[in-house]
Every structure is written in C-alpha cells, then in structure tokens.
Amino acid sequence: MKYYRELQRILPAGLALVAIAAFAGSQQPADTANVENAATQRLEASHHDLTENDFPDSAADRYTRLTELDYRKVADELGVEVAAIKALAKIEAGNAGFVAPGKPIINFDLTVFRQMLRRSGISLAEARRKAPVAFAGVNVRRYGSYGAAQHARLRSASAVSRDVAYKSTFWGMFQIGGFNYRQCDCSSVFEFAKLMSQSEAMQLELFARFIRANNLVRYVRARNWYAFAKAYNGGRVVKGYAARMAREYARFKR
C-alpha cells in the first residue's frame, strides 16, 4: 500500500488510480506468473529497438495520420459520435503518433521508473551506473530531437530492466502509460509496445480499449467533457481542458 500511495502522489489523480489497478492486478499466483513470463520473454526477445521493418508494408504509409475510416471504426466500436472521437484525439493527442516509421512518440518517466525499480528491489545506485542517459535530462542537442532523446532514454533504462523501462514510459499519441498494458487488452507490456509501434490507427484502437476498460466511454457518450477530463487527466487543469474539448467537438460536429 505504501507504493500505491506514492503512485498517487507522483501521478495525476486519474492516471494514479489506473496505475494502482494495473499494479494490483499484477500480483499473480506463481504458476500464472511463470506462464506469462515465458510469453513475455518470447515477445521481449523479438522487440529490441524498433525499426521500419517491424510493421507490415501495408501499414508503412499509414503511420503518420489517422483517416476518416479509422475514426469511424473506433466510434462504432464504442457507440459514440465520430465528432467526439475526433475531439478527444485533437486534445489528447495533438501531435503525430510517431517520430519515425516504427518509432512511436514516447515519454520516458524517470519518476515512475525510480518507483518501479524500488518496488522490484533493484538498486537505484546500480541502475544509475548502468543507465546514465536514463537518469540524465532530455538531451535534445545530443540526439537531434526531443523524440530521439526520449528513445535514447528508454534504451538506456532498458539496460537495467526492459520490463520496468517499458512500463515506465508513456506511449503513442494518447500517452498511455506502459503500466496500463492490461487495460489495453495486451498480454504484456512488450505486446503493448509492439502494437503502439504499428500505426496511428492502432494507437487509437488502444486508446479506445483503455477508456472502455476504465468506464470512461459513458462520459464521451454524454459529452460530459469535464467528467472525462477529470477522470483521464486528474483535477489540475480540468476546466480549461474540458472547454477546449467542447470547442473541438462543436467544430467537428459542424
């Protein structure tokens, strides 16, 4: 419980609640954990640094922008308006989902990484020695862009624990924490990362799974942007955030 309280302190309220649910769900019987670990190891072995070759040729020209069909498909799945999904994507995502083909936009969170290392019994001093880039600030000058710098931090952190590093990273257009992989209907964080690396359409699909798992679709159907913003992002900037979402919905509805 001490770790869960710490998560509530370091994460926005909505994400903290989701994180607590995810970590609580990770406490499994040994036999179940062993089966999952075996599957995870197979995925992990195939999921090193992502490259353009890691997703199908048919998707190679689609990693940059969502299409009308993508929005409509997810809207139909959730039973909401297309305009509502577009508004969520505009406000939540904003930017493109990739920094390069096969490399999704990510944000490696050092605070979450530290907490998860402690929970895993991994020495922070040893982690700093193995992963100096992960513990340093985002060095845009060295790596050429913010996106490239964040991928460098993730690679560095992976030298300590790939599992912890991926779970401590926020992925894709909608910046879903890796620790939420189960709520995106993935068997491991590595499957989650691989799907995030396929296309913006898949990132939107994972977002749909996430809000459905957390019972947030009801707010989208009701166009209750304030309740959605509070649940998804915490209570820090809810009013302005909700107002922007309402404006985008009205714009897409026209």
Protein backbone atom coordinates (compact mmCIF):
# COMPACT_ATOMS: atom_id res chain seq x y z
CA MET A 1 0.00 0.00 0.00
CA LYS A 2 2.88 2.38 0.62
CA TYR A 3 3.91 2.11 -3.03
CA TYR A 4 0.34 2.74 -4.19
CA ARG A 5 0.16 5.89 -2.06
CA GLU A 6 3.41 7.04 -3.64
CA LEU A 7 1.94 6.50 -7.09
CA GLN A 8 -1.00 8.69 -6.12
CA ARG A 9 1.48 11.39 -5.14
CA ILE A 10 3.58 11.35 -8.31
CA LEU A 11 0.89 10.81 -10.93
CA PRO A 12 -2.20 12.84 -11.88
CA ALA A 13 -5.21 11.60 -9.98
CA GLY A 14 -6.85 9.75 -12.85
CA LEU A 15 -3.71 8.04 -14.00
CA ALA A 16 -2.74 7.14 -10.45
CA LEU A 17 -5.99 5.27 -9.97
CA VAL A 18 -5.44 3.42 -13.23
CA ALA A 19 -1.86 2.65 -12.26
CA ILE A 20 -2.90 1.27 -8.89
CA ALA A 21 -5.41 -1.02 -10.56
CA ALA A 22 -2.78 -2.19 -13.02
CA PHE A 23 -0.19 -2.94 -10.34
CA ALA A 24 -2.72 -4.60 -8.07
CA GLY A 25 -3.65 -6.85 -10.99
CA SER A 26 -0.02 -7.80 -11.45
CA GLN A 27 0.08 -9.69 -8.14
CA GLN A 28 -0.48 -13.18 -9.55
CA PRO A 29 -0.06 -16.73 -8.31
CA ALA A 30 3.38 -18.14 -9.13
CA ASP A 31 2.11 -20.62 -11.76
CA THR A 32 0.21 -17.92 -13.65
CA ALA A 33 3.16 -15.56 -13.45
CA ASN A 34 5.53 -18.23 -14.80
CA VAL A 35 3.33 -18.85 -17.84
CA GLU A 36 3.03 -15.12 -18.53
CA ASN A 37 6.77 -14.59 -18.01
CA ALA A 38 7.56 -17.22 -20.62
CA ALA A 39 5.32 -15.50 -23.15
CA THR A 40 6.77 -12.11 -22.20
CA GLN A 41 10.32 -13.35 -22.71
CA ARG A 42 9.45 -14.50 -26.22
CA LEU A 43 7.94 -11.11 -27.05
CA GLU A 44 10.82 -9.30 -25.39
CA ALA A 45 13.39 -11.23 -27.41
CA SER A 46 11.74 -10.09 -30.63
CA HIS A 47 11.20 -6.49 -29.52
CA HIS A 48 14.55 -4.74 -29.46
CA ASP A 49 14.94 -1.25 -30.92
CA LEU A 50 12.00 -0.70 -33.23
CA THR A 51 12.72 -0.14 -36.90
CA GLU A 52 10.70 0.49 -40.04
CA ASN A 53 10.81 -3.25 -40.74
CA ASP A 54 8.91 -4.05 -37.56
CA PHE A 55 5.50 -3.33 -39.03
CA PRO A 56 3.77 -4.56 -42.21
CA ASP A 57 4.41 -2.97 -45.60
CA SER A 58 0.68 -2.33 -45.90
CA ALA A 59 0.91 0.00 -42.91
CA ALA A 60 4.17 1.67 -43.92
CA ASP A 61 2.41 4.65 -45.47
CA ARG A 62 -0.12 4.97 -42.64
CA TYR A 63 1.96 5.54 -39.56
CA THR A 64 1.68 9.31 -39.77
CA ARG A 65 -2.01 10.28 -39.97
CA LEU A 66 -5.37 8.87 -38.96
CA THR A 67 -8.05 8.50 -41.62
CA GLU A 68 -11.79 9.13 -41.53
CA LEU A 69 -12.30 5.37 -41.61
CA ASP A 70 -10.11 4.94 -38.50
CA TYR A 71 -12.20 7.45 -36.55
CA ARG A 72 -15.47 5.91 -37.72
CA LYS A 73 -14.35 2.37 -36.84
CA VAL A 74 -13.50 3.30 -33.25
CA ALA A 75 -16.62 5.45 -32.87
CA ASP A 76 -18.75 2.49 -33.95
CA GLU A 77 -16.90 0.17 -31.55
CA LEU A 78 -17.58 2.47 -28.61
CA GLY A 79 -21.04 3.60 -29.66
CA VAL A 80 -20.12 7.29 -29.70
CA GLU A 81 -20.13 10.08 -32.27
CA VAL A 82 -17.27 10.40 -34.73
CA ALA A 83 -17.01 14.09 -33.77
CA ALA A 84 -16.44 13.07 -30.14
CA ILE A 85 -13.57 10.73 -31.05
CA LYS A 86 -12.02 13.42 -33.24
CA ALA A 87 -12.27 15.93 -30.40
CA LEU A 88 -10.59 13.51 -27.99
CA ALA A 89 -7.84 12.82 -30.50
CA LYS A 90 -7.30 16.53 -31.15
CA ILE A 91 -6.98 17.42 -27.47
CA GLU A 92 -5.38 14.26 -26.08
CA ALA A 93 -3.02 13.57 -28.97
CA GLY A 94 -2.38 16.87 -30.71
CA ASN A 95 0.80 15.73 -32.44
CA ALA A 96 1.54 12.83 -34.75
CA GLY A 97 1.95 9.44 -33.13
CA PHE A 98 5.43 8.73 -34.49
CA VAL A 99 8.85 10.32 -34.60
CA ALA A 100 9.82 7.95 -37.45
CA PRO A 101 8.37 4.81 -39.03
CA GLY A 102 8.18 2.15 -36.32
CA LYS A 103 9.21 4.60 -33.59
CA PRO A 104 6.16 5.89 -31.70
CA ILE A 105 6.26 9.15 -29.83
CA ILE A 106 7.08 8.34 -26.20
CA ASN A 107 7.83 9.99 -22.88
CA PHE A 108 10.07 8.06 -20.54
CA ASP A 109 9.09 8.99 -16.97
CA LEU A 110 12.08 8.90 -14.63
CA THR A 111 9.94 9.36 -11.50
CA VAL A 112 7.82 6.31 -12.32
CA PHE A 113 10.98 4.39 -13.29
CA ARG A 114 12.56 5.07 -9.89
CA GLN A 115 9.44 3.99 -8.04
CA MET A 116 9.09 0.80 -10.06
CA LEU A 117 12.76 -0.05 -9.58
CA ARG A 118 12.32 0.26 -5.82
CA ARG A 119 9.24 -1.93 -5.98
CA SER A 120 11.21 -4.51 -7.99
CA GLY A 121 14.06 -4.50 -5.46
CA ILE A 122 16.57 -3.06 -7.94
CA SER A 123 19.26 -0.79 -6.52
CA LEU A 124 18.96 2.80 -7.71
CA ALA A 125 22.71 3.27 -7.40
CA GLU A 126 23.33 0.29 -9.67
CA ALA A 127 20.64 1.50 -12.07
CA ARG A 128 22.31 4.92 -12.34
CA ARG A 129 25.61 3.23 -13.13
CA LYS A 130 24.09 1.06 -15.87
CA ALA A 131 21.79 3.71 -17.35
CA PRO A 132 23.29 7.20 -17.07
CA VAL A 133 21.32 8.52 -20.06
CA ALA A 134 18.02 7.47 -18.50
CA PHE A 135 18.82 9.36 -15.29
CA ALA A 136 20.02 12.48 -17.10
CA GLY A 137 17.76 15.17 -18.54
CA VAL A 138 16.33 15.09 -22.06
CA ASN A 139 19.34 15.97 -24.24
CA VAL A 140 17.87 17.31 -27.48
CA ARG A 141 21.20 18.79 -28.60
CA ARG A 142 22.93 15.41 -28.42
CA TYR A 143 20.21 13.34 -30.11
CA GLY A 144 18.81 15.91 -32.54
CA SER A 145 15.18 15.96 -31.42
CA TYR A 146 13.03 15.51 -28.35
CA GLY A 147 11.62 12.25 -29.72
CA ALA A 148 15.05 10.78 -30.42
CA ALA A 149 16.25 11.83 -26.96
CA GLN A 150 13.32 10.06 -25.30
CA HIS A 151 14.01 6.86 -27.23
CA ALA A 152 17.64 7.10 -26.13
CA ARG A 153 16.49 7.32 -22.50
CA LEU A 154 14.26 4.28 -22.97
CA ARG A 155 17.13 2.28 -24.50
CA SER A 156 19.36 3.28 -21.61
CA ALA A 157 16.76 2.34 -18.98
CA SER A 158 16.24 -1.00 -20.71
CA ALA A 159 19.81 -1.95 -19.80
CA VAL A 160 18.62 -2.09 -16.19
CA SER A 161 15.25 -3.77 -16.80
CA ARG A 162 13.45 -3.75 -20.11
CA ASP A 163 10.20 -4.66 -18.39
CA VAL A 164 10.40 -1.79 -15.91
CA ALA A 165 11.62 0.67 -18.56
CA TYR A 166 8.72 -0.04 -20.91
CA LYS A 167 6.19 0.13 -18.08
CA SER A 168 7.65 3.49 -17.02
CA THR A 169 7.13 5.01 -20.46
CA PHE A 170 4.07 6.80 -21.83
CA TRP A 171 3.35 5.66 -25.38
CA GLY A 172 1.82 7.00 -28.57
CA MET A 173 -0.49 9.85 -29.44
CA PHE A 174 -2.55 9.40 -26.30
CA GLN A 175 0.41 8.92 -23.94
CA ILE A 176 -0.88 5.78 -22.25
CA GLY A 177 1.45 4.50 -19.54
CA GLY A 178 3.07 1.15 -20.24
CA PHE A 179 1.96 0.01 -16.78
CA ASN A 180 -1.60 0.08 -18.19
CA TYR A 181 -0.95 -2.63 -20.79
CA ARG A 182 -3.55 -5.00 -19.33
CA GLN A 183 -6.23 -2.34 -19.61
CA CYS A 184 -5.41 -2.14 -23.30
CA ASP A 185 -6.10 -5.87 -23.60
CA CYS A 186 -2.43 -6.81 -24.06
CA SER A 187 -0.75 -9.86 -22.55
CA SER A 188 2.48 -7.99 -21.75
CA VAL A 189 3.99 -4.53 -21.95
CA PHE A 190 6.03 -5.76 -24.91
CA GLU A 191 2.93 -6.67 -26.89
CA PHE A 192 1.55 -3.26 -25.95
CA ALA A 193 4.70 -1.51 -27.22
CA LYS A 194 4.72 -3.51 -30.43
CA LEU A 195 1.11 -2.57 -31.17
CA MET A 196 1.87 1.07 -30.36
CA SER A 197 4.62 0.86 -32.98
CA GLN A 198 2.37 -0.27 -35.84
CA SER A 199 0.26 2.74 -36.81
CA GLU A 200 -1.71 5.69 -35.54
CA ALA A 201 -4.83 3.62 -36.20
CA MET A 202 -3.61 1.03 -33.68
CA GLN A 203 -2.76 3.76 -31.18
CA LEU A 204 -6.34 5.00 -31.47
CA GLU A 205 -7.62 1.44 -31.01
CA LEU A 206 -5.53 1.02 -27.83
CA PHE A 207 -6.89 4.32 -26.54
CA ALA A 208 -10.41 3.03 -27.18
CA ARG A 209 -9.65 -0.15 -25.22
CA PHE A 210 -8.20 1.92 -22.39
CA ILE A 211 -11.15 4.25 -21.92
CA ARG A 212 -13.57 1.33 -22.24
CA ALA A 213 -11.70 -0.64 -19.55
CA ASN A 214 -11.82 2.37 -17.24
CA ASN A 215 -15.53 3.07 -17.77
CA LEU A 216 -14.91 6.44 -19.41
CA VAL A 217 -16.99 5.84 -22.54
CA ARG A 218 -20.13 6.91 -20.65
CA TYR A 219 -18.72 10.43 -20.35
CA VAL A 220 -17.93 10.58 -24.07
CA ARG A 221 -21.46 9.42 -24.97
CA ALA A 222 -22.93 12.07 -22.69
CA ARG A 223 -20.44 14.66 -23.97
CA ASN A 224 -19.52 15.30 -20.34
CA TRP A 225 -16.07 16.65 -21.11
CA TYR A 226 -15.46 17.86 -17.57
CA ALA A 227 -16.01 14.38 -16.08
CA PHE A 228 -13.89 12.78 -18.79
CA ALA A 229 -11.03 15.24 -18.31
CA LYS A 230 -11.10 14.82 -14.54
CA ALA A 231 -11.04 11.03 -14.75
CA TYR A 232 -8.43 10.82 -17.51
CA ASN A 233 -6.03 13.58 -16.52
CA GLY A 234 -6.70 14.37 -12.88
CA GLY A 235 -8.11 17.58 -11.46
CA ARG A 236 -5.32 20.04 -12.17
CA VAL A 237 -6.42 21.73 -15.40
CA VAL A 238 -9.86 20.26 -15.87
CA LYS A 239 -11.98 23.35 -16.60
CA GLY A 240 -9.86 24.79 -19.38
CA TYR A 241 -9.17 21.33 -20.74
CA ALA A 242 -12.87 20.45 -20.84
CA ALA A 243 -13.73 23.76 -22.51
CA ARG A 244 -11.19 23.11 -25.26
CA MET A 245 -12.62 19.63 -25.79
CA ALA A 246 -16.14 21.04 -26.05
CA ARG A 247 -14.99 23.58 -28.65
CA GLU A 248 -13.29 20.88 -30.72
CA TYR A 249 -16.39 18.69 -30.54
CA ALA A 250 -18.54 21.58 -31.79
CA ARG A 251 -16.09 22.23 -34.61
CA PHE A 252 -16.04 18.60 -35.78
CA LYS A 253 -19.82 18.32 -35.39
CA ARG A 254 -20.47 21.05 -37.96
